[in-house]
């Protein structure tokens, strides 16, 4: 297919391109987690429950405020798509775009998962990550991205012309529908862009397209979060498996993931200040 003709560069093109890059959201004043408190609390953890998420499926789980939860690789290299909601208010949910803007395209220890407007508060803080060593590879890829939107049957039909019913979007709908006893049609409106747990991704250097490559996750690896509000979560085991070649099909080898809920000694968190919704009181509210 012939592309539209591009516009010739103007005489001052080089000068325009040399303009200084400025970080959109300087984060020097961003509230940070008190890791002295969290690290002390981590020393007292005891596991209180767990949920196994089968391959090419999703399950929901709840995490009370002040508890920790882990997503664990249990059998093989597997990527997971994570949704989070306020357990009492589905309209407050994980805001991947703002999390990306405040932190980076990929998140790890110390980063926080922020909620949607008008609430805009940390829902969870990443407290441990066995893949934090990965950093950025030679392709410019990292792990645990907040770039991708989740694989979905609509894009699959658009690009491939067929229907696949175990995309992460579909799996998350079923999990939320079951958890809240609501119709799948209603649940679909609450499913949102994800944290791609264990997924290794980046942008190609030439065309700047979103790419994936084999996840470095291995059995026993996990990422751990501290719940800053009462959470309802849903995790889908991506049909792409380790996302080394494909997704939205039954072609890849897929494995379960385990979600573990851990409780800290309440006395270890007496100094923790739990976040309130944004105090902004503008003219439209």
C-alpha atoms as a PDB file:
ATOM      1  CA  UNK A   1       0.000   0.000   0.000  1.00  0.00           C
ATOM      2  CA  UNK A   2       1.425   3.384  -0.999  1.00  0.00           C
ATOM      3  CA  UNK A   3       1.947   5.798   1.854  1.00  0.00           C
ATOM      4  CA  UNK A   4       0.975   9.455   1.708  1.00  0.00           C
ATOM      5  CA  UNK A   5       3.762  11.773   0.628  1.00  0.00           C
ATOM      6  CA  UNK A   6       5.688  13.348   3.505  1.00  0.00           C
ATOM      7  CA  UNK A   7       6.179  17.091   3.839  1.00  0.00           C
ATOM      8  CA  UNK A   8       9.701  18.337   3.025  1.00  0.00           C
ATOM      9  CA  UNK A   9      11.719  19.528   6.015  1.00  0.00           C
ATOM     10  CA  UNK A  10      11.749  23.309   6.471  1.00  0.00           C
ATOM     11  CA  UNK A  11      15.070  25.224   6.513  1.00  0.00           C
ATOM     12  CA  UNK A  12      15.088  25.390  10.329  1.00  0.00           C
ATOM     13  CA  UNK A  13      14.299  21.686  10.874  1.00  0.00           C
ATOM     14  CA  UNK A  14      17.590  20.932  12.603  1.00  0.00           C
ATOM     15  CA  UNK A  15      17.176  23.876  14.957  1.00  0.00           C
ATOM     16  CA  UNK A  16      13.671  22.776  15.898  1.00  0.00           C
ATOM     17  CA  UNK A  17      14.874  19.242  16.610  1.00  0.00           C
ATOM     18  CA  UNK A  18      17.654  20.488  18.893  1.00  0.00           C
ATOM     19  CA  UNK A  19      15.237  21.954  21.436  1.00  0.00           C
ATOM     20  CA  UNK A  20      15.902  20.800  24.984  1.00  0.00           C
ATOM     21  CA  UNK A  21      13.856  17.888  26.324  1.00  0.00           C
ATOM     22  CA  UNK A  22      11.921  18.708  29.498  1.00  0.00           C
ATOM     23  CA  UNK A  23      10.455  16.113  31.852  1.00  0.00           C
ATOM     24  CA  UNK A  24       6.684  16.595  31.728  1.00  0.00           C
ATOM     25  CA  UNK A  25       6.043  15.919  35.419  1.00  0.00           C
ATOM     26  CA  UNK A  26       9.007  16.796  37.671  1.00  0.00           C
ATOM     27  CA  UNK A  27       8.615  14.408  40.585  1.00  0.00           C
ATOM     28  CA  UNK A  28      10.718  16.083  43.262  1.00  0.00           C
ATOM     29  CA  UNK A  29       7.528  16.911  45.187  1.00  0.00           C
ATOM     30  CA  UNK A  30       5.792  13.614  44.460  1.00  0.00           C
ATOM     31  CA  UNK A  31       4.878  11.844  47.734  1.00  0.00           C
ATOM     32  CA  UNK A  32       7.178   8.858  48.138  1.00  0.00           C
ATOM     33  CA  UNK A  33       6.637   5.695  50.110  1.00  0.00           C
ATOM     34  CA  UNK A  34       8.288   5.400  53.525  1.00  0.00           C
ATOM     35  CA  UNK A  35      10.450   2.348  52.875  1.00  0.00           C
ATOM     36  CA  UNK A  36      11.788   2.282  56.439  1.00  0.00           C
ATOM     37  CA  UNK A  37       8.260   1.433  57.550  1.00  0.00           C
ATOM     38  CA  UNK A  38       7.586  -0.939  54.651  1.00  0.00           C
ATOM     39  CA  UNK A  39      10.852  -2.820  55.033  1.00  0.00           C
ATOM     40  CA  UNK A  40      10.208  -3.274  58.744  1.00  0.00           C
ATOM     41  CA  UNK A  41       6.688  -4.519  57.982  1.00  0.00           C
ATOM     42  CA  UNK A  42       8.058  -6.969  55.396  1.00  0.00           C
ATOM     43  CA  UNK A  43      10.050  -8.690  58.143  1.00  0.00           C
ATOM     44  CA  UNK A  44       6.815  -9.680  59.880  1.00  0.00           C
ATOM     45  CA  UNK A  45       4.875 -11.059  56.887  1.00  0.00           C
ATOM     46  CA  UNK A  46       2.810 -14.207  57.026  1.00  0.00           C
ATOM     47  CA  UNK A  47       0.875 -15.618  54.083  1.00  0.00           C
ATOM     48  CA  UNK A  48      -2.880 -15.617  54.648  1.00  0.00           C
ATOM     49  CA  UNK A  49      -4.276 -16.771  51.288  1.00  0.00           C
ATOM     50  CA  UNK A  50      -3.443 -17.480  47.673  1.00  0.00           C
ATOM     51  CA  UNK A  51      -5.155 -17.780  44.294  1.00  0.00           C
ATOM     52  CA  UNK A  52      -3.952 -19.843  41.337  1.00  0.00           C
ATOM     53  CA  UNK A  53      -4.659 -18.279  37.944  1.00  0.00           C
ATOM     54  CA  UNK A  54      -4.885 -21.040  35.305  1.00  0.00           C
ATOM     55  CA  UNK A  55      -3.281 -20.639  31.864  1.00  0.00           C
ATOM     56  CA  UNK A  56      -5.204 -18.445  29.395  1.00  0.00           C
ATOM     57  CA  UNK A  57      -7.636 -17.419  32.122  1.00  0.00           C
ATOM     58  CA  UNK A  58      -8.064 -14.858  34.894  1.00  0.00           C
ATOM     59  CA  UNK A  59      -8.991 -14.818  38.558  1.00  0.00           C
ATOM     60  CA  UNK A  60      -9.932 -12.072  40.989  1.00  0.00           C
ATOM     61  CA  UNK A  61      -8.540 -11.504  44.478  1.00  0.00           C
ATOM     62  CA  UNK A  62      -8.958  -9.007  47.310  1.00  0.00           C
ATOM     63  CA  UNK A  63      -6.237  -7.325  49.318  1.00  0.00           C
ATOM     64  CA  UNK A  64      -7.127  -5.395  52.496  1.00  0.00           C
ATOM     65  CA  UNK A  65      -5.422  -2.078  53.027  1.00  0.00           C
ATOM     66  CA  UNK A  66      -2.085  -2.604  54.778  1.00  0.00           C
ATOM     67  CA  UNK A  67      -1.541  -6.087  53.360  1.00  0.00           C
ATOM     68  CA  UNK A  68       0.988  -7.114  50.739  1.00  0.00           C
ATOM     69  CA  UNK A  69       0.418  -9.229  47.664  1.00  0.00           C
ATOM     70  CA  UNK A  70       2.762 -11.084  45.361  1.00  0.00           C
ATOM     71  CA  UNK A  71       2.429 -12.344  41.801  1.00  0.00           C
ATOM     72  CA  UNK A  72       4.566 -15.447  41.514  1.00  0.00           C
ATOM     73  CA  UNK A  73       5.823 -17.512  38.572  1.00  0.00           C
ATOM     74  CA  UNK A  74       5.142 -21.122  39.545  1.00  0.00           C
ATOM     75  CA  UNK A  75       5.760 -23.398  36.546  1.00  0.00           C
ATOM     76  CA  UNK A  76       7.250 -21.589  33.567  1.00  0.00           C
ATOM     77  CA  UNK A  77       7.895 -18.243  31.925  1.00  0.00           C
ATOM     78  CA  UNK A  78       4.524 -16.485  31.883  1.00  0.00           C
ATOM     79  CA  UNK A  79       3.309 -12.906  31.537  1.00  0.00           C
ATOM     80  CA  UNK A  80       0.302 -11.575  33.483  1.00  0.00           C
ATOM     81  CA  UNK A  81      -2.045  -8.632  32.900  1.00  0.00           C
ATOM     82  CA  UNK A  82      -3.084  -6.895  36.126  1.00  0.00           C
ATOM     83  CA  UNK A  83      -6.166  -4.753  36.817  1.00  0.00           C
ATOM     84  CA  UNK A  84      -6.790  -3.053  40.179  1.00  0.00           C
ATOM     85  CA  UNK A  85      -9.897  -1.342  41.566  1.00  0.00           C
ATOM     86  CA  UNK A  86     -10.937   0.244  44.816  1.00  0.00           C
ATOM     87  CA  UNK A  87     -12.714  -2.729  46.383  1.00  0.00           C
ATOM     88  CA  UNK A  88     -15.715  -0.540  47.264  1.00  0.00           C
ATOM     89  CA  UNK A  89     -15.791   1.688  44.186  1.00  0.00           C
ATOM     90  CA  UNK A  90     -15.079   0.327  40.714  1.00  0.00           C
ATOM     91  CA  UNK A  91     -14.887   3.849  39.284  1.00  0.00           C
ATOM     92  CA  UNK A  92     -11.572   4.282  41.101  1.00  0.00           C
ATOM     93  CA  UNK A  93      -9.183   2.048  39.231  1.00  0.00           C
ATOM     94  CA  UNK A  94      -5.561   1.793  38.166  1.00  0.00           C
ATOM     95  CA  UNK A  95      -4.486   4.640  35.866  1.00  0.00           C
ATOM     96  CA  UNK A  96      -1.644   3.214  33.760  1.00  0.00           C
ATOM     97  CA  UNK A  97      -1.208   6.400  31.728  1.00  0.00           C
ATOM     98  CA  UNK A  98      -0.649   8.635  34.748  1.00  0.00           C
ATOM     99  CA  UNK A  99       1.544   5.999  36.403  1.00  0.00           C
ATOM    100  CA  UNK A 100       3.662   5.967  33.239  1.00  0.00           C
ATOM    101  CA  UNK A 101       3.833   9.775  33.186  1.00  0.00           C
ATOM    102  CA  UNK A 102       4.831  10.033  36.847  1.00  0.00           C
ATOM    103  CA  UNK A 103       7.334   7.161  36.875  1.00  0.00           C
ATOM    104  CA  UNK A 104       8.371   5.589  33.564  1.00  0.00           C
ATOM    105  CA  UNK A 105       7.292   3.186  30.833  1.00  0.00           C
ATOM    106  CA  UNK A 106       8.318   0.277  33.090  1.00  0.00           C
ATOM    107  CA  UNK A 107       7.985   0.116  36.864  1.00  0.00           C
ATOM    108  CA  UNK A 108       9.762  -1.616  39.735  1.00  0.00           C
ATOM    109  CA  UNK A 109      10.602  -1.186  43.431  1.00  0.00           C
ATOM    110  CA  UNK A 110       9.597   2.200  44.825  1.00  0.00           C
ATOM    111  CA  UNK A 111       7.155   3.016  42.042  1.00  0.00           C
ATOM    112  CA  UNK A 112       3.478   3.395  42.877  1.00  0.00           C
ATOM    113  CA  UNK A 113       0.368   2.443  40.941  1.00  0.00           C
ATOM    114  CA  UNK A 114      -1.868   5.537  40.792  1.00  0.00           C
ATOM    115  CA  UNK A 115      -5.644   5.656  40.549  1.00  0.00           C
ATOM    116  CA  UNK A 116      -7.882   7.431  38.061  1.00  0.00           C
ATOM    117  CA  UNK A 117      -9.146  10.982  38.293  1.00  0.00           C
ATOM    118  CA  UNK A 118     -10.698  12.509  40.320  1.00  0.00           C
ATOM    119  CA  UNK A 119      -9.115  10.337  43.029  1.00  0.00           C
ATOM    120  CA  UNK A 120      -5.451  10.266  41.914  1.00  0.00           C
ATOM    121  CA  UNK A 121      -3.823   8.537  44.850  1.00  0.00           C
ATOM    122  CA  UNK A 122      -1.438   5.591  45.147  1.00  0.00           C
ATOM    123  CA  UNK A 123      -3.317   2.304  45.151  1.00  0.00           C
ATOM    124  CA  UNK A 124      -0.268   0.095  45.643  1.00  0.00           C
ATOM    125  CA  UNK A 125       3.486   0.470  46.002  1.00  0.00           C
ATOM    126  CA  UNK A 126       5.977  -2.008  44.548  1.00  0.00           C
ATOM    127  CA  UNK A 127       8.050  -3.245  47.490  1.00  0.00           C
ATOM    128  CA  UNK A 128      10.076  -6.126  46.004  1.00  0.00           C
ATOM    129  CA  UNK A 129      10.877  -7.416  42.527  1.00  0.00           C
ATOM    130  CA  UNK A 130      13.134 -10.378  41.774  1.00  0.00           C
ATOM    131  CA  UNK A 131      13.538  -9.024  38.209  1.00  0.00           C
ATOM    132  CA  UNK A 132      14.729  -5.577  39.286  1.00  0.00           C
ATOM    133  CA  UNK A 133      18.204  -6.567  38.059  1.00  0.00           C
ATOM    134  CA  UNK A 134      17.029  -6.556  34.410  1.00  0.00           C
ATOM    135  CA  UNK A 135      17.075  -2.807  33.860  1.00  0.00           C
ATOM    136  CA  UNK A 136      17.286  -1.888  30.154  1.00  0.00           C
ATOM    137  CA  UNK A 137      18.663  -4.326  27.605  1.00  0.00           C
ATOM    138  CA  UNK A 138      20.415  -3.675  24.291  1.00  0.00           C
ATOM    139  CA  UNK A 139      17.060  -3.426  22.494  1.00  0.00           C
ATOM    140  CA  UNK A 140      15.873  -0.753  24.921  1.00  0.00           C
ATOM    141  CA  UNK A 141      13.434  -3.184  26.545  1.00  0.00           C
ATOM    142  CA  UNK A 142      12.479  -3.406  30.208  1.00  0.00           C
ATOM    143  CA  UNK A 143      10.190  -5.516  32.391  1.00  0.00           C
ATOM    144  CA  UNK A 144       6.749  -4.752  33.944  1.00  0.00           C
ATOM    145  CA  UNK A 145       5.446  -2.195  31.464  1.00  0.00           C
ATOM    146  CA  UNK A 146       2.618   0.318  31.657  1.00  0.00           C
ATOM    147  CA  UNK A 147       2.652   0.850  27.887  1.00  0.00           C
ATOM    148  CA  UNK A 148       0.514  -1.935  26.458  1.00  0.00           C
ATOM    149  CA  UNK A 149      -3.231  -1.864  26.738  1.00  0.00           C
ATOM    150  CA  UNK A 150      -3.895  -5.652  27.099  1.00  0.00           C
ATOM    151  CA  UNK A 151      -4.550  -8.055  24.240  1.00  0.00           C
ATOM    152  CA  UNK A 152      -8.205  -7.884  23.226  1.00  0.00           C
ATOM    153  CA  UNK A 153     -10.580  -9.617  20.789  1.00  0.00           C
ATOM    154  CA  UNK A 154     -11.455  -6.407  18.952  1.00  0.00           C
ATOM    155  CA  UNK A 155      -7.884  -5.671  17.849  1.00  0.00           C
ATOM    156  CA  UNK A 156      -7.426  -9.370  17.106  1.00  0.00           C
ATOM    157  CA  UNK A 157     -10.422  -9.306  14.752  1.00  0.00           C
ATOM    158  CA  UNK A 158      -9.208  -6.045  13.201  1.00  0.00           C
ATOM    159  CA  UNK A 159      -5.779  -7.453  12.392  1.00  0.00           C
ATOM    160  CA  UNK A 160      -6.466 -11.160  11.877  1.00  0.00           C
ATOM    161  CA  UNK A 161     -10.130 -11.311  10.916  1.00  0.00           C
ATOM    162  CA  UNK A 162     -11.053 -14.023  13.423  1.00  0.00           C
ATOM    163  CA  UNK A 163     -12.430 -14.310  16.946  1.00  0.00           C
ATOM    164  CA  UNK A 164     -10.399 -15.410  19.956  1.00  0.00           C
ATOM    165  CA  UNK A 165     -12.123 -15.570  23.335  1.00  0.00           C
ATOM    166  CA  UNK A 166      -9.203 -15.846  25.765  1.00  0.00           C
ATOM    167  CA  UNK A 167      -7.498 -12.507  25.232  1.00  0.00           C
ATOM    168  CA  UNK A 168      -6.562 -10.805  28.500  1.00  0.00           C
ATOM    169  CA  UNK A 169      -9.379  -8.290  28.032  1.00  0.00           C
ATOM    170  CA  UNK A 170     -11.925 -11.121  27.812  1.00  0.00           C
ATOM    171  CA  UNK A 171     -10.379 -13.028  30.715  1.00  0.00           C
ATOM    172  CA  UNK A 172     -10.456  -9.944  32.953  1.00  0.00           C
ATOM    173  CA  UNK A 173     -14.111  -9.304  32.070  1.00  0.00           C
ATOM    174  CA  UNK A 174     -15.072 -12.815  33.164  1.00  0.00           C
ATOM    175  CA  UNK A 175     -13.092 -12.518  36.389  1.00  0.00           C
ATOM    176  CA  UNK A 176     -14.641  -9.175  37.349  1.00  0.00           C
ATOM    177  CA  UNK A 177     -18.123 -10.350  36.381  1.00  0.00           C
ATOM    178  CA  UNK A 178     -17.785 -13.332  38.708  1.00  0.00           C
ATOM    179  CA  UNK A 179     -16.246 -11.312  41.536  1.00  0.00           C
ATOM    180  CA  UNK A 180     -18.927  -8.600  41.595  1.00  0.00           C
ATOM    181  CA  UNK A 181     -21.879 -10.706  40.365  1.00  0.00           C
ATOM    182  CA  UNK A 182     -22.496  -8.308  37.488  1.00  0.00           C
ATOM    183  CA  UNK A 183     -23.093  -8.973  33.809  1.00  0.00           C
ATOM    184  CA  UNK A 184     -20.116  -9.290  31.505  1.00  0.00           C
ATOM    185  CA  UNK A 185     -21.459  -6.308  29.569  1.00  0.00           C
ATOM    186  CA  UNK A 186     -21.289  -4.172  32.711  1.00  0.00           C
ATOM    187  CA  UNK A 187     -17.939  -5.619  33.749  1.00  0.00           C
ATOM    188  CA  UNK A 188     -16.385  -4.773  30.381  1.00  0.00           C
ATOM    189  CA  UNK A 189     -16.754  -1.042  31.044  1.00  0.00           C
ATOM    190  CA  UNK A 190     -14.630  -1.387  34.179  1.00  0.00           C
ATOM    191  CA  UNK A 191     -11.772  -3.389  32.658  1.00  0.00           C
ATOM    192  CA  UNK A 192      -8.879  -1.041  31.964  1.00  0.00           C
ATOM    193  CA  UNK A 193      -5.319  -0.703  30.741  1.00  0.00           C
ATOM    194  CA  UNK A 194      -2.992  -2.954  32.661  1.00  0.00           C
ATOM    195  CA  UNK A 195       0.309  -3.394  34.357  1.00  0.00           C
ATOM    196  CA  UNK A 196       1.969  -6.020  32.165  1.00  0.00           C
ATOM    197  CA  UNK A 197       3.579  -8.077  34.903  1.00  0.00           C
ATOM    198  CA  UNK A 198       6.812  -9.876  33.826  1.00  0.00           C
ATOM    199  CA  UNK A 199       6.351  -8.702  30.213  1.00  0.00           C
ATOM    200  CA  UNK A 200       9.537  -7.545  28.446  1.00  0.00           C
ATOM    201  CA  UNK A 201       8.794  -4.712  26.038  1.00  0.00           C
ATOM    202  CA  UNK A 202      10.045  -1.548  24.411  1.00  0.00           C
ATOM    203  CA  UNK A 203       9.843   0.555  21.267  1.00  0.00           C
ATOM    204  CA  UNK A 204      11.772  -0.219  18.095  1.00  0.00           C
ATOM    205  CA  UNK A 205      14.502   2.331  17.404  1.00  0.00           C
ATOM    206  CA  UNK A 206      13.626   2.854  13.753  1.00  0.00           C
ATOM    207  CA  UNK A 207       9.813   2.913  13.641  1.00  0.00           C
ATOM    208  CA  UNK A 208       9.148   3.382  17.392  1.00  0.00           C
ATOM    209  CA  UNK A 209       6.635   0.523  17.377  1.00  0.00           C
ATOM    210  CA  UNK A 210       5.733  -1.287  20.560  1.00  0.00           C
ATOM    211  CA  UNK A 211       7.527  -4.655  20.661  1.00  0.00           C
ATOM    212  CA  UNK A 212       7.685  -7.654  22.973  1.00  0.00           C
ATOM    213  CA  UNK A 213      10.362 -10.276  23.522  1.00  0.00           C
ATOM    214  CA  UNK A 214      10.779 -13.361  25.675  1.00  0.00           C
ATOM    215  CA  UNK A 215      10.165 -12.560  29.325  1.00  0.00           C
ATOM    216  CA  UNK A 216      13.159 -13.170  31.621  1.00  0.00           C
ATOM    217  CA  UNK A 217      10.837 -14.476  34.364  1.00  0.00           C
ATOM    218  CA  UNK A 218      11.629 -17.914  35.760  1.00  0.00           C
ATOM    219  CA  UNK A 219       9.932 -20.220  38.252  1.00  0.00           C
ATOM    220  CA  UNK A 220      10.122 -18.645  41.712  1.00  0.00           C
ATOM    221  CA  UNK A 221      10.374 -15.049  40.505  1.00  0.00           C
ATOM    222  CA  UNK A 222       7.831 -12.619  41.924  1.00  0.00           C
ATOM    223  CA  UNK A 223       6.828  -8.989  42.178  1.00  0.00           C
ATOM    224  CA  UNK A 224       5.418  -7.716  45.484  1.00  0.00           C
ATOM    225  CA  UNK A 225       3.065  -4.827  46.227  1.00  0.00           C
ATOM    226  CA  UNK A 226       1.829  -3.038  49.342  1.00  0.00           C
ATOM    227  CA  UNK A 227      -1.897  -2.247  49.235  1.00  0.00           C
ATOM    228  CA  UNK A 228      -2.489   1.396  50.154  1.00  0.00           C
ATOM    229  CA  UNK A 229      -6.281   1.100  49.887  1.00  0.00           C
ATOM    230  CA  UNK A 230      -8.662  -1.863  49.980  1.00  0.00           C
ATOM    231  CA  UNK A 231      -8.135  -3.504  46.608  1.00  0.00           C
ATOM    232  CA  UNK A 232      -9.996  -5.771  44.256  1.00  0.00           C
ATOM    233  CA  UNK A 233      -7.588  -7.198  41.716  1.00  0.00           C
ATOM    234  CA  UNK A 234      -7.852  -9.380  38.648  1.00  0.00           C
ATOM    235  CA  UNK A 235      -4.951 -11.103  36.930  1.00  0.00           C
ATOM    236  CA  UNK A 236      -4.979 -12.708  33.493  1.00  0.00           C
ATOM    237  CA  UNK A 237      -2.372 -15.214  32.374  1.00  0.00           C
ATOM    238  CA  UNK A 238      -1.675 -13.870  28.899  1.00  0.00           C
ATOM    239  CA  UNK A 239      -2.323 -16.309  26.019  1.00  0.00           C
ATOM    240  CA  UNK A 240       1.070 -15.229  24.678  1.00  0.00           C
ATOM    241  CA  UNK A 241       2.839 -17.170  27.443  1.00  0.00           C
ATOM    242  CA  UNK A 242       6.269 -15.552  27.712  1.00  0.00           C
ATOM    243  CA  UNK A 243       5.315 -13.242  24.805  1.00  0.00           C
ATOM    244  CA  UNK A 244       8.359 -14.267  22.776  1.00  0.00           C
ATOM    245  CA  UNK A 245       6.467 -14.737  19.517  1.00  0.00           C
ATOM    246  CA  UNK A 246       2.676 -14.299  19.558  1.00  0.00           C
ATOM    247  CA  UNK A 247      -0.435 -13.631  21.588  1.00  0.00           C
ATOM    248  CA  UNK A 248      -4.220 -13.851  21.216  1.00  0.00           C
ATOM    249  CA  UNK A 249      -4.086 -17.496  20.167  1.00  0.00           C
ATOM    250  CA  UNK A 250      -3.474 -20.981  21.540  1.00  0.00           C
ATOM    251  CA  UNK A 251      -0.049 -21.212  19.882  1.00  0.00           C
ATOM    252  CA  UNK A 252       2.180 -20.285  22.823  1.00  0.00           C
ATOM    253  CA  UNK A 253       3.015 -22.458  25.809  1.00  0.00           C
ATOM    254  CA  UNK A 254       1.205 -20.981  28.819  1.00  0.00           C
ATOM    255  CA  UNK A 255       1.569 -21.557  32.547  1.00  0.00           C
ATOM    256  CA  UNK A 256      -0.330 -20.618  35.721  1.00  0.00           C
ATOM    257  CA  UNK A 257       0.543 -17.727  37.988  1.00  0.00           C
ATOM    258  CA  UNK A 258      -0.055 -17.526  41.738  1.00  0.00           C
ATOM    259  CA  UNK A 259      -1.294 -14.503  43.651  1.00  0.00           C
ATOM    260  CA  UNK A 260      -0.330 -14.573  47.334  1.00  0.00           C
ATOM    261  CA  UNK A 261      -1.786 -12.302  50.034  1.00  0.00           C
ATOM    262  CA  UNK A 262       0.526 -11.534  52.959  1.00  0.00           C
ATOM    263  CA  UNK A 263      -0.291  -9.835  56.257  1.00  0.00           C
ATOM    264  CA  UNK A 264       2.154  -7.777  58.289  1.00  0.00           C
ATOM    265  CA  UNK A 265       2.103  -7.300  62.043  1.00  0.00           C
ATOM    266  CA  UNK A 266      -0.275  -4.316  62.468  1.00  0.00           C
ATOM    267  CA  UNK A 267       2.135  -2.754  64.985  1.00  0.00           C
ATOM    268  CA  UNK A 268       4.760  -2.475  62.230  1.00  0.00           C
ATOM    269  CA  UNK A 269       2.503  -0.115  60.263  1.00  0.00           C
ATOM    270  CA  UNK A 270       1.345   2.268  62.996  1.00  0.00           C
ATOM    271  CA  UNK A 271       3.408   5.087  61.455  1.00  0.00           C
ATOM    272  CA  UNK A 272       2.108   4.504  57.938  1.00  0.00           C
ATOM    273  CA  UNK A 273      -0.091   7.282  56.526  1.00  0.00           C
ATOM    274  CA  UNK A 274      -2.706   5.895  54.140  1.00  0.00           C
ATOM    275  CA  UNK A 275      -3.538   8.110  51.141  1.00  0.00           C
ATOM    276  CA  UNK A 276      -6.783  10.019  50.755  1.00  0.00           C
ATOM    277  CA  UNK A 277      -8.330  10.929  47.399  1.00  0.00           C
ATOM    278  CA  UNK A 278      -7.081  14.125  45.781  1.00  0.00           C
ATOM    279  CA  UNK A 279      -8.062  17.250  47.689  1.00  0.00           C
ATOM    280  CA  UNK A 280      -8.473  19.287  44.496  1.00  0.00           C
ATOM    281  CA  UNK A 281     -11.711  21.293  44.719  1.00  0.00           C
ATOM    282  CA  UNK A 282     -11.898  23.052  41.377  1.00  0.00           C
ATOM    283  CA  UNK A 283     -14.805  24.941  39.904  1.00  0.00           C
ATOM    284  CA  UNK A 284     -16.249  21.881  38.165  1.00  0.00           C
ATOM    285  CA  UNK A 285     -16.640  19.816  41.352  1.00  0.00           C
END
